Amino acid sequence: MIGPLSWTVLAPLGFGLLCLLSNRGARWFALLGALVPLAVGLAALGDCARHPGAEFRLVESYPWAMGAAWTVGVDGIGAAMLALSGLVVAIATVSGWNQERSPRAYHALVCLLLAAMNGVFVALDLLVFYICWEAMLVPMLALIGVWGGDQRRYAAMKFFVFTLAGSVLMLAMLIAMWNALPGGQRTFDLRVLTTQWQLWESTAFLGLPLAAFGFLAVLLAALVKVPAVPLHTWLPHAHVQAPTAISVILAGILLKLGVYALYRLAWPLFPAQALQWGWLIGVIGVIGILWGAWVALGQRDLKRLVAYSSVSHMGFCLLGLAGLSVAGATGGMVQAVTHGLSSSLLFLLVGVVYDRAHHRMVDGFGGLSAPMPRFTWILLIACLAGAGLPGLAGFPGEAMTLFGSFAAGGTFAWLGAAATLSVVLSAAYLLWTLKRVAYGPLAHPEQAAFPDLDARELAATVPLVALIVVLGVWPGPLVDALRPSCEALMQHVQGARP
């Protein structure tokens, strides 16, 4: 009997096929395809919070060939990502509800993208992980390249080339790891491969220890996805050209896949390299934190501003994991989840004003609080959450990451101190933008006729606002669900010390 985790992949695929067969019902089928993984992810996340433990839950395994199998399961980290993917795609589907251009193909591709992302989040087989990781590129390429803006083809190809080039070494890595195992024990099961980290240390591949090559391969693929400076240049182009709903998915989920790959592959499979090079990942994270915030401060296009804000906030995920403390690693995952909520909300709000003004220039707005009070209140919450205000969801992850960095001491204490500068920078660019867009006198008289958020826009934004407030005030259940997996991961890495 097919278990619930398999349905998180099969349901979006099935509903995606129905999207192709029904013009009017396509958006409803896409929404149903997102609600299935949302329900399964929430149930699994609640189970992890109630029964703390690092073991994988809801495990299913169906043998395939050559030691590969459809083996799926989730721990707290996987369950959180699964729930986030279902929520964000459901919100994005509501945002793109009135898609007029080829709606059947559009919603079918969104379902295909969701199935591939969920495949990554539930995979316990390295080959399945890689197949789903690469499969995501095709629907995202089409969604940007067909439904995007005037420079959509350039943006789509840049996204495709960067992400494909970043992950091509992973294929060589998994083949080399399979060949390094004894003949009768060859497998792609991540639970087995994780226990063989000493074998990867003693096996040579292309003149390097296989562990060093594998760590580099996963790290490159992950840093492109995060994206980390200087591999981030594809992101602003992709966001600016993508439709609003696709920007929501890109910021809300796709960027988190890079962080997830580090938690699921790089640190468990190659713990000695994580110990050796963790400081460098921390440096890369802090560079991204400060660089992204500084560049965001000078942006005039709202989408580019939020894109560089994402570069900055995702740097905290790298810093938290690199410090090898339980608090930091847990904080990095909390940051990944909460950033998925706040960045999705910001991109939705950018889409709202673009639909009315047909531009995204900060200087082209002013005083929108008068005609659009509901929009302004939600924008205020989104900006304050992005700035890390205590009581909203942006605060717990960043605070735990910084606590973990200071607790790690040495280099990481200095990196944590440098990262705190982003608190000032993020408040500066987000609150300055809020002031220029929403407050003061109405700068453009024609904008007095702008309608406030309608029922569909409220349906997309209000759930995110509610979660941002709830997780800001009461992050305990999320932390409780994530902490055991992060603690087990840190123990595994520390066990590789000579």
Protein backbone atom coordinates (compact mmCIF):
# COMPACT_ATOMS: atom_id res chain seq x y z
CA MET A 1 0.00 0.00 0.00
CA ILE A 2 1.29 3.42 -0.95
CA GLY A 3 2.15 5.50 2.12
CA PRO A 4 1.48 9.19 2.77
CA LEU A 5 4.93 10.44 1.78
CA SER A 6 4.69 8.88 -1.66
CA TRP A 7 1.41 10.72 -2.12
CA THR A 8 3.19 14.05 -1.58
CA VAL A 9 4.86 13.37 -4.93
CA LEU A 10 2.14 11.35 -6.68
CA ALA A 11 -0.73 13.70 -5.81
CA PRO A 12 0.84 16.79 -7.45
CA LEU A 13 1.72 14.67 -10.49
CA GLY A 14 -1.81 13.32 -10.73
CA PHE A 15 -3.46 16.69 -10.25
CA GLY A 16 -1.00 18.17 -12.73
CA LEU A 17 -2.26 15.72 -15.34
CA LEU A 18 -5.82 16.73 -14.52
CA CYS A 19 -4.80 20.36 -15.00
CA LEU A 20 -3.91 19.56 -18.60
CA LEU A 21 -7.33 18.01 -19.17
CA SER A 22 -9.45 20.76 -17.66
CA ASN A 23 -9.28 24.45 -18.52
CA ARG A 24 -11.63 25.85 -15.88
CA GLY A 25 -10.69 23.35 -13.20
CA ALA A 26 -6.91 23.63 -13.62
CA ARG A 27 -6.45 26.10 -10.77
CA TRP A 28 -8.58 23.99 -8.42
CA PHE A 29 -6.61 20.85 -9.27
CA ALA A 30 -3.34 22.73 -8.68
CA LEU A 31 -4.62 23.90 -5.30
CA LEU A 32 -5.60 20.36 -4.33
CA GLY A 33 -2.18 19.14 -5.43
CA ALA A 34 -0.58 21.56 -2.95
CA LEU A 35 -2.97 20.83 -0.09
CA VAL A 36 -2.04 17.12 0.02
CA PRO A 37 1.67 17.67 0.90
CA LEU A 38 0.66 20.52 3.21
CA ALA A 39 -1.59 18.18 5.19
CA VAL A 40 0.99 15.37 5.28
CA GLY A 41 3.80 17.77 6.22
CA LEU A 42 1.81 19.35 9.04
CA ALA A 43 0.82 15.93 10.40
CA ALA A 44 4.44 14.72 10.27
CA LEU A 45 5.71 17.96 11.82
CA GLY A 46 3.23 17.68 14.66
CA ASP A 47 4.25 14.07 15.22
CA CYS A 48 7.92 15.09 15.40
CA ALA A 49 7.09 17.81 17.93
CA ARG A 50 5.08 15.43 20.11
CA HIS A 51 7.59 12.57 19.94
CA PRO A 52 11.10 14.08 19.86
CA GLY A 53 13.63 11.89 18.14
CA ALA A 54 16.07 11.92 15.27
CA GLU A 55 14.78 8.80 13.54
CA PHE A 56 13.04 9.00 10.19
CA ARG A 57 9.28 8.57 10.23
CA LEU A 58 6.71 7.29 7.71
CA VAL A 59 9.46 5.34 5.94
CA GLU A 60 8.54 3.51 2.73
CA SER A 61 10.86 1.54 0.47
CA TYR A 62 10.20 -0.02 -2.94
CA PRO A 63 13.28 -1.60 -4.59
CA TRP A 64 14.20 -0.31 -7.99
CA ALA A 65 17.50 -1.46 -9.58
CA MET A 66 21.27 -1.50 -8.96
CA GLY A 67 20.84 -0.86 -5.25
CA ALA A 68 18.53 2.11 -5.81
CA ALA A 69 15.02 2.20 -4.38
CA TRP A 70 12.11 4.53 -3.92
CA THR A 71 12.93 5.02 -0.24
CA VAL A 72 11.27 7.96 1.46
CA GLY A 73 10.98 9.21 5.01
CA VAL A 74 11.09 12.44 6.99
CA ASP A 75 12.56 13.72 10.21
CA GLY A 76 11.69 17.10 11.69
CA ILE A 77 13.69 18.94 9.03
CA GLY A 78 12.07 17.11 6.12
CA ALA A 79 8.58 17.47 7.60
CA ALA A 80 9.03 21.23 8.03
CA MET A 81 10.18 21.63 4.44
CA LEU A 82 7.33 19.47 3.18
CA ALA A 83 4.73 21.55 5.02
CA LEU A 84 6.37 24.76 3.79
CA SER A 85 6.34 23.61 0.17
CA GLY A 86 2.65 22.72 0.30
CA LEU A 87 1.73 26.02 1.93
CA VAL A 88 3.78 28.22 -0.38
CA VAL A 89 2.56 26.52 -3.56
CA ALA A 90 -1.04 26.74 -2.33
CA ILE A 91 -0.54 30.47 -1.69
CA ALA A 92 1.15 30.91 -5.07
CA THR A 93 -1.73 29.09 -6.78
CA VAL A 94 -4.22 31.49 -5.21
CA SER A 95 -1.99 34.39 -6.26
CA GLY A 96 -1.98 33.15 -9.87
CA TRP A 97 -5.68 32.25 -9.78
CA ASN A 98 -6.57 34.47 -12.74
CA GLN A 99 -3.74 33.32 -14.99
CA GLU A 100 -5.06 33.88 -18.50
CA ARG A 101 -2.20 32.69 -20.67
CA SER A 102 -2.31 28.89 -21.15
CA PRO A 103 -3.67 28.24 -17.64
CA ARG A 104 -3.69 24.47 -18.07
CA ALA A 105 0.00 24.27 -18.93
CA TYR A 106 0.90 26.85 -16.29
CA HIS A 107 -0.80 25.06 -13.40
CA ALA A 108 0.40 21.65 -14.62
CA LEU A 109 4.00 22.89 -14.54
CA VAL A 110 3.53 24.26 -11.02
CA CYS A 111 2.31 20.81 -9.95
CA LEU A 112 5.30 19.16 -11.62
CA LEU A 113 7.64 21.58 -9.85
CA LEU A 114 5.99 20.82 -6.51
CA ALA A 115 6.31 17.06 -7.06
CA ALA A 116 10.03 17.39 -7.79
CA MET A 117 10.66 19.59 -4.75
CA ASN A 118 8.75 17.22 -2.50
CA GLY A 119 10.75 14.35 -3.93
CA VAL A 120 13.91 16.03 -2.64
CA PHE A 121 12.42 16.63 0.79
CA VAL A 122 11.29 13.02 1.33
CA ALA A 123 14.07 11.11 -0.48
CA LEU A 124 16.23 8.77 1.56
CA ASP A 125 17.87 7.40 -1.58
CA LEU A 126 20.71 9.44 -3.06
CA LEU A 127 19.80 8.62 -6.67
CA VAL A 128 16.16 9.59 -6.13
CA PHE A 129 17.34 12.78 -4.44
CA TYR A 130 19.49 13.67 -7.44
CA ILE A 131 16.80 12.87 -10.02
CA CYS A 132 14.27 15.08 -8.23
CA TRP A 133 16.91 17.78 -7.70
CA GLU A 134 17.53 17.99 -11.44
CA ALA A 135 13.88 17.52 -12.42
CA MET A 136 13.02 20.84 -10.78
CA LEU A 137 14.94 22.73 -13.44
CA VAL A 138 12.59 21.91 -16.32
CA PRO A 139 9.30 23.32 -14.98
CA MET A 140 11.01 26.36 -13.46
CA LEU A 141 12.79 27.05 -16.77
CA ALA A 142 9.45 26.93 -18.59
CA LEU A 143 7.55 28.98 -16.00
CA ILE A 144 10.08 31.81 -16.18
CA GLY A 145 10.86 31.51 -19.88
CA VAL A 146 7.23 31.42 -21.08
CA TRP A 147 5.25 33.40 -18.49
CA GLY A 148 7.94 35.90 -17.47
CA GLY A 149 8.70 39.49 -18.44
CA ASP A 150 10.41 41.03 -21.45
CA GLN A 151 13.83 39.48 -20.68
CA ARG A 152 12.38 36.16 -19.56
CA ARG A 153 14.45 33.97 -21.86
CA TYR A 154 17.73 35.45 -20.67
CA ALA A 155 16.68 35.09 -17.02
CA ALA A 156 15.44 31.53 -17.54
CA MET A 157 18.61 30.41 -19.30
CA LYS A 158 20.83 32.04 -16.67
CA PHE A 159 18.90 30.24 -13.93
CA PHE A 160 19.14 26.95 -15.83
CA VAL A 161 22.86 27.20 -16.61
CA PHE A 162 23.86 28.23 -13.09
CA THR A 163 21.84 25.54 -11.33
CA LEU A 164 22.69 22.77 -13.79
CA ALA A 165 26.40 23.56 -13.74
CA GLY A 166 26.32 23.73 -9.97
CA SER A 167 24.92 20.23 -9.56
CA VAL A 168 26.58 18.29 -12.37
CA LEU A 169 29.39 17.11 -10.06
CA MET A 170 26.82 15.45 -7.81
CA LEU A 171 26.22 12.81 -10.48
CA ALA A 172 29.91 11.89 -10.54
CA MET A 173 29.90 11.83 -6.75
CA LEU A 174 27.01 9.39 -6.38
CA ILE A 175 28.44 7.05 -9.04
CA ALA A 176 31.85 7.08 -7.33
CA MET A 177 30.27 6.37 -3.94
CA TRP A 178 28.28 3.46 -5.35
CA ASN A 179 31.44 1.99 -6.93
CA ALA A 180 33.43 2.40 -3.71
CA LEU A 181 31.09 0.08 -1.79
CA PRO A 182 31.74 -3.69 -1.81
CA GLY A 183 29.96 -5.49 -4.63
CA GLY A 184 27.19 -7.09 -2.62
CA GLN A 185 26.56 -4.00 -0.49
CA ARG A 186 26.10 -1.35 -3.14
CA THR A 187 23.25 0.96 -2.31
CA PHE A 188 22.12 4.57 -2.57
CA ASP A 189 20.34 4.51 0.79
CA LEU A 190 21.40 7.67 2.62
CA ARG A 191 21.04 5.98 6.00
CA VAL A 192 23.69 3.45 4.97
CA LEU A 193 25.93 5.89 3.09
CA THR A 194 26.08 8.16 6.13
CA THR A 195 27.67 5.40 8.20
CA GLN A 196 30.41 4.89 5.58
CA TRP A 197 32.02 8.31 5.89
CA GLN A 198 35.39 6.78 6.76
CA LEU A 199 35.31 4.80 3.50
CA TRP A 200 34.90 8.03 1.51
CA GLU A 201 37.94 9.40 3.34
CA SER A 202 40.13 6.48 2.27
CA THR A 203 38.87 6.19 -1.33
CA ALA A 204 40.60 8.21 -4.05
CA PHE A 205 38.68 9.84 -6.89
CA LEU A 206 40.17 12.10 -9.56
CA GLY A 207 43.27 12.63 -7.46
CA LEU A 208 41.30 13.63 -4.36
CA PRO A 209 39.82 11.74 -1.45
CA LEU A 210 36.25 10.90 -2.45
CA ALA A 211 35.05 12.68 0.69
CA ALA A 212 36.71 15.94 -0.40
CA PHE A 213 35.31 15.66 -3.93
CA GLY A 214 31.84 14.78 -2.67
CA PHE A 215 31.76 17.61 -0.15
CA LEU A 216 32.83 20.06 -2.87
CA ALA A 217 30.18 18.70 -5.27
CA VAL A 218 27.30 19.05 -2.80
CA LEU A 219 28.58 22.38 -1.52
CA LEU A 220 28.73 23.89 -5.02
CA ALA A 221 25.24 22.66 -5.88
CA ALA A 222 23.85 23.94 -2.59
CA LEU A 223 25.52 27.37 -2.69
CA VAL A 224 24.15 28.04 -6.17
CA LYS A 225 20.65 27.25 -4.95
CA VAL A 226 20.88 29.23 -1.66
CA PRO A 227 22.22 31.42 -3.42
CA ALA A 228 25.50 32.46 -1.79
CA VAL A 229 27.74 35.31 -2.92
CA PRO A 230 29.26 35.25 -5.56
CA LEU A 231 27.02 32.52 -7.07
CA HIS A 232 23.89 34.62 -6.55
CA THR A 233 23.81 36.64 -9.75
CA TRP A 234 21.10 34.53 -11.39
CA LEU A 235 18.60 35.31 -8.62
CA PRO A 236 17.76 39.01 -9.22
CA HIS A 237 17.21 38.37 -12.94
CA ALA A 238 15.00 35.36 -12.25
CA HIS A 239 12.88 37.24 -9.70
CA VAL A 240 12.45 40.36 -11.81
CA GLN A 241 11.35 38.41 -14.87
CA ALA A 242 9.27 35.70 -13.18
CA PRO A 243 5.53 36.13 -12.60
CA THR A 244 4.60 37.00 -9.02
CA ALA A 245 3.44 33.48 -8.13
CA ILE A 246 6.68 31.94 -9.41
CA SER A 247 8.76 34.47 -7.49
CA VAL A 248 6.85 33.35 -4.40
CA ILE A 249 7.78 29.70 -5.04
CA LEU A 250 11.36 30.61 -5.91
CA ALA A 251 11.92 32.60 -2.71
CA GLY A 252 9.67 30.55 -0.46
CA ILE A 253 10.91 27.06 -1.31
CA LEU A 254 13.52 26.76 -4.05
CA LEU A 255 16.20 28.70 -2.15
CA LYS A 256 15.65 26.44 0.86
CA LEU A 257 16.67 23.40 -1.18
CA GLY A 258 20.30 24.52 -1.05
CA VAL A 259 20.22 24.68 2.74
CA TYR A 260 18.39 21.36 2.87
CA ALA A 261 21.10 19.69 0.75
CA LEU A 262 23.74 20.77 3.25
CA TYR A 263 21.72 19.38 6.17
CA ARG A 264 20.78 16.16 4.38
CA LEU A 265 23.89 15.39 2.28
CA ALA A 266 27.02 17.44 2.91
CA TRP A 267 27.20 17.34 6.71
CA PRO A 268 25.96 13.72 7.22
CA LEU A 269 27.98 12.13 4.38
CA PHE A 270 31.20 14.10 4.87
CA PRO A 271 31.45 15.10 8.55
CA ALA A 272 35.24 15.44 8.56
CA GLN A 273 35.06 18.01 5.74
CA ALA A 274 32.29 19.84 7.61
CA LEU A 275 34.62 20.09 10.60
CA GLN A 276 37.52 21.23 8.46
CA TRP A 277 35.73 23.75 6.24
CA GLY A 278 32.87 24.89 8.45
CA TRP A 279 34.59 28.20 9.12
CA LEU A 280 34.67 28.93 5.38
CA ILE A 281 30.93 28.26 5.05
CA GLY A 282 30.42 30.66 7.95
CA VAL A 283 32.48 33.33 6.19
CA ILE A 284 30.48 32.82 2.98
CA GLY A 285 27.27 33.13 4.98
CA VAL A 286 28.31 36.39 6.64
CA ILE A 287 29.49 37.86 3.32
CA GLY A 288 26.04 37.07 1.91
CA ILE A 289 24.32 38.56 4.96
CA LEU A 290 26.15 41.88 4.72
CA TRP A 291 26.49 42.11 0.95
CA GLY A 292 22.86 41.29 0.28
CA ALA A 293 21.65 43.84 2.85
CA TRP A 294 23.98 46.55 1.55
CA VAL A 295 22.97 46.04 -2.08
CA ALA A 296 19.27 45.89 -1.15
CA LEU A 297 19.66 49.33 0.42
CA GLY A 298 20.36 50.84 -3.01
CA GLN A 299 17.68 49.10 -5.07
CA ARG A 300 14.91 51.06 -6.79
CA ASP A 301 13.03 48.03 -8.14
CA LEU A 302 10.94 46.41 -5.40
CA LYS A 303 11.50 42.89 -6.70
CA ARG A 304 15.25 43.31 -6.84
CA LEU A 305 15.18 44.72 -3.32
CA VAL A 306 13.35 41.68 -1.96
CA ALA A 307 15.64 39.37 -4.00
CA TYR A 308 18.79 40.84 -2.42
CA SER A 309 17.05 40.73 0.94
CA SER A 310 16.70 36.97 0.42
CA VAL A 311 20.43 36.67 -0.28
CA SER A 312 21.05 38.39 3.04
CA HIS A 313 18.62 36.38 5.14
CA MET A 314 19.64 33.03 3.69
CA GLY A 315 23.19 33.74 4.84
CA PHE A 316 21.98 33.15 8.40
CA CYS A 317 21.13 29.56 7.47
CA LEU A 318 24.73 28.98 6.35
CA LEU A 319 26.17 30.65 9.44
CA GLY A 320 23.97 28.64 11.79
CA LEU A 321 24.93 25.29 10.28
CA ALA A 322 28.63 26.13 9.94
CA GLY A 323 29.12 26.82 13.64
CA LEU A 324 28.39 23.15 14.49
CA SER A 325 26.31 24.06 17.53
CA VAL A 326 22.84 22.63 18.13
CA ALA A 327 21.39 26.09 18.73
CA GLY A 328 22.93 27.45 15.53
CA ALA A 329 21.89 24.52 13.35
CA THR A 330 18.35 24.61 14.72
CA GLY A 331 18.24 28.36 14.26
CA GLY A 332 19.37 27.99 10.66
CA MET A 333 16.45 25.69 9.91
CA VAL A 334 13.99 27.92 11.77
CA GLN A 335 15.31 30.80 9.68
CA ALA A 336 14.77 28.79 6.48
CA VAL A 337 11.12 28.16 7.40
CA THR A 338 10.30 31.66 8.59
CA HIS A 339 12.08 33.32 5.68
CA GLY A 340 9.92 31.20 3.40
CA LEU A 341 6.89 32.89 4.96
CA SER A 342 8.13 36.49 5.07
CA SER A 343 9.75 36.50 1.60
CA SER A 344 6.63 34.93 0.07
CA LEU A 345 4.52 37.66 1.66
CA LEU A 346 6.78 40.44 0.42
CA PHE A 347 6.72 39.14 -3.16
CA LEU A 348 2.93 38.83 -3.02
CA LEU A 349 2.68 42.47 -1.95
CA VAL A 350 5.04 43.57 -4.71
CA GLY A 351 2.75 41.74 -7.13
CA VAL A 352 -0.26 43.60 -5.71
CA VAL A 353 1.14 47.06 -6.49
CA TYR A 354 2.49 45.87 -9.85
CA ASP A 355 -0.97 44.71 -10.88
CA ARG A 356 -2.29 48.21 -10.20
CA ALA A 357 0.57 50.46 -11.27
CA HIS A 358 2.26 48.20 -13.88
CA HIS A 359 5.68 49.07 -12.52
CA ARG A 360 7.75 48.21 -9.44
CA MET A 361 9.84 51.35 -8.95
CA VAL A 362 9.99 52.52 -5.34
CA ASP A 363 10.05 56.15 -6.45
CA GLY A 364 6.88 55.59 -8.44
CA PHE A 365 4.79 55.20 -5.29
CA GLY A 366 4.06 57.21 -2.17
CA GLY A 367 1.20 57.60 0.26
CA LEU A 368 -0.52 54.30 -0.57
CA SER A 369 -1.75 54.03 3.02
CA ALA A 370 -4.65 56.34 2.13
CA PRO A 371 -6.22 54.33 -0.72
CA MET A 372 -4.88 50.93 0.45
CA PRO A 373 -4.96 50.70 4.27
CA ARG A 374 -5.22 46.89 4.41
CA PHE A 375 -2.27 46.57 2.05
CA THR A 376 -0.26 48.97 4.22
CA TRP A 377 -0.91 47.09 7.44
CA ILE A 378 0.19 43.81 5.89
CA LEU A 379 3.24 45.44 4.29
CA LEU A 380 4.17 46.87 7.70
CA ILE A 381 4.05 43.40 9.28
CA ALA A 382 6.07 41.89 6.41
CA CYS A 383 8.77 44.57 6.67
CA LEU A 384 9.00 44.31 10.45
CA ALA A 385 9.27 40.53 10.20
CA GLY A 386 12.02 40.88 7.60
CA ALA A 387 13.81 43.31 9.90
CA GLY A 388 13.79 40.70 12.68
CA LEU A 389 11.47 42.48 15.12
CA PRO A 390 10.96 40.40 18.29
CA GLY A 391 7.46 38.97 18.36
CA LEU A 392 7.43 38.21 14.63
CA ALA A 393 8.75 35.16 12.81
CA GLY A 394 11.96 36.76 11.56
CA PHE A 395 13.40 37.02 15.05
CA PRO A 396 13.72 33.45 16.49
CA GLY A 397 15.85 31.97 13.71
CA GLU A 398 18.26 34.88 13.51
CA ALA A 399 18.57 35.08 17.29
CA MET A 400 19.25 31.34 17.66
CA THR A 401 21.81 31.49 14.87
CA LEU A 402 23.66 34.33 16.57
CA PHE A 403 23.48 32.60 19.96
CA GLY A 404 24.94 29.47 18.37
CA SER A 405 27.75 31.45 16.73
CA PHE A 406 28.75 33.14 19.97
CA ALA A 407 28.54 29.81 21.82
CA ALA A 408 30.87 28.21 19.24
CA GLY A 409 33.46 30.86 20.10
CA GLY A 410 36.65 31.66 18.20
CA THR A 411 36.13 32.58 14.56
CA PHE A 412 32.39 32.05 14.78
CA ALA A 413 32.02 34.57 17.60
CA TRP A 414 33.57 37.19 15.34
CA LEU A 415 31.38 36.09 12.44
CA GLY A 416 28.31 36.36 14.66
CA ALA A 417 29.33 39.85 15.71
CA ALA A 418 29.71 40.88 12.07
CA ALA A 419 26.32 39.36 11.19
CA THR A 420 24.58 41.52 13.79
CA LEU A 421 25.28 44.55 11.58
CA SER A 422 22.59 43.21 9.23
CA VAL A 423 19.97 44.04 11.88
CA VAL A 424 20.64 47.72 11.24
CA LEU A 425 20.91 47.35 7.48
CA SER A 426 17.74 45.25 7.08
CA ALA A 427 15.76 47.68 9.22
CA ALA A 428 17.14 50.53 7.09
CA TYR A 429 16.22 49.21 3.66
CA LEU A 430 12.87 47.66 4.64
CA LEU A 431 11.54 50.52 6.77
CA TRP A 432 12.86 53.15 4.35
CA THR A 433 11.06 51.34 1.54
CA LEU A 434 7.90 51.12 3.64
CA LYS A 435 8.01 54.87 4.28
CA ARG A 436 8.53 55.76 0.64
CA VAL A 437 5.84 53.42 -0.69
CA ALA A 438 3.06 53.69 1.88
CA TYR A 439 3.41 56.79 4.03
CA GLY A 440 3.50 60.53 3.53
CA PRO A 441 1.36 62.50 1.07
CA LEU A 442 -0.01 60.77 -2.00
CA ALA A 443 2.80 61.28 -4.50
CA HIS A 444 0.86 60.32 -7.61
CA PRO A 445 -2.78 61.49 -7.79
CA GLU A 446 -3.85 58.67 -10.10
CA GLN A 447 -2.99 56.17 -7.37
CA ALA A 448 -5.83 57.51 -5.22
CA ALA A 449 -8.11 55.24 -7.24
CA PHE A 450 -6.10 52.08 -6.49
CA PRO A 451 -8.37 49.44 -4.94
CA ASP A 452 -7.31 47.88 -1.68
CA LEU A 453 -6.64 44.15 -1.32
CA ASP A 454 -9.53 42.10 -2.68
CA ALA A 455 -10.80 38.77 -1.32
CA ARG A 456 -8.37 36.68 -3.37
CA GLU A 457 -5.36 38.76 -2.34
CA LEU A 458 -6.43 38.61 1.29
CA ALA A 459 -6.81 34.83 1.01
CA ALA A 460 -3.19 34.65 -0.17
CA THR A 461 -1.66 37.05 2.34
CA VAL A 462 -3.61 36.69 5.60
CA PRO A 463 -2.51 33.06 6.28
CA LEU A 464 1.11 34.14 5.95
CA VAL A 465 0.56 37.08 8.29
CA ALA A 466 -1.07 34.78 10.84
CA LEU A 467 1.83 32.31 10.73
CA ILE A 468 4.40 35.12 10.97
CA VAL A 469 2.75 36.35 14.16
CA VAL A 470 2.17 32.89 15.65
CA LEU A 471 5.74 31.68 15.01
CA GLY A 472 7.11 34.96 16.31
CA VAL A 473 5.22 34.70 19.58
CA TRP A 474 5.27 30.91 19.96
CA PRO A 475 8.14 29.29 17.98
CA GLY A 476 8.42 26.44 20.51
CA PRO A 477 6.60 23.69 18.55
CA LEU A 478 8.67 24.35 15.43
CA VAL A 479 11.90 24.42 17.42
CA ASP A 480 10.91 21.22 19.26
CA ALA A 481 10.27 19.46 15.93
CA LEU A 482 13.59 20.56 14.40
CA ARG A 483 15.96 20.34 17.36
CA PRO A 484 16.32 16.51 17.71
CA SER A 485 17.36 16.12 14.07
CA CYS A 486 19.81 19.01 14.34
CA GLU A 487 21.21 17.63 17.59
CA ALA A 488 21.76 14.19 16.04
CA LEU A 489 23.45 15.78 13.03
CA MET A 490 25.82 17.79 15.22
CA GLN A 491 26.68 14.67 17.26
CA HIS A 492 27.41 12.79 14.04
CA VAL A 493 29.74 15.53 12.80
CA GLN A 494 31.50 15.92 16.13
CA GLY A 495 32.05 12.16 16.15
CA ALA A 496 34.36 12.57 13.16
CA ARG A 497 36.90 14.55 15.15
CA PRO A 498 40.30 12.77 15.16
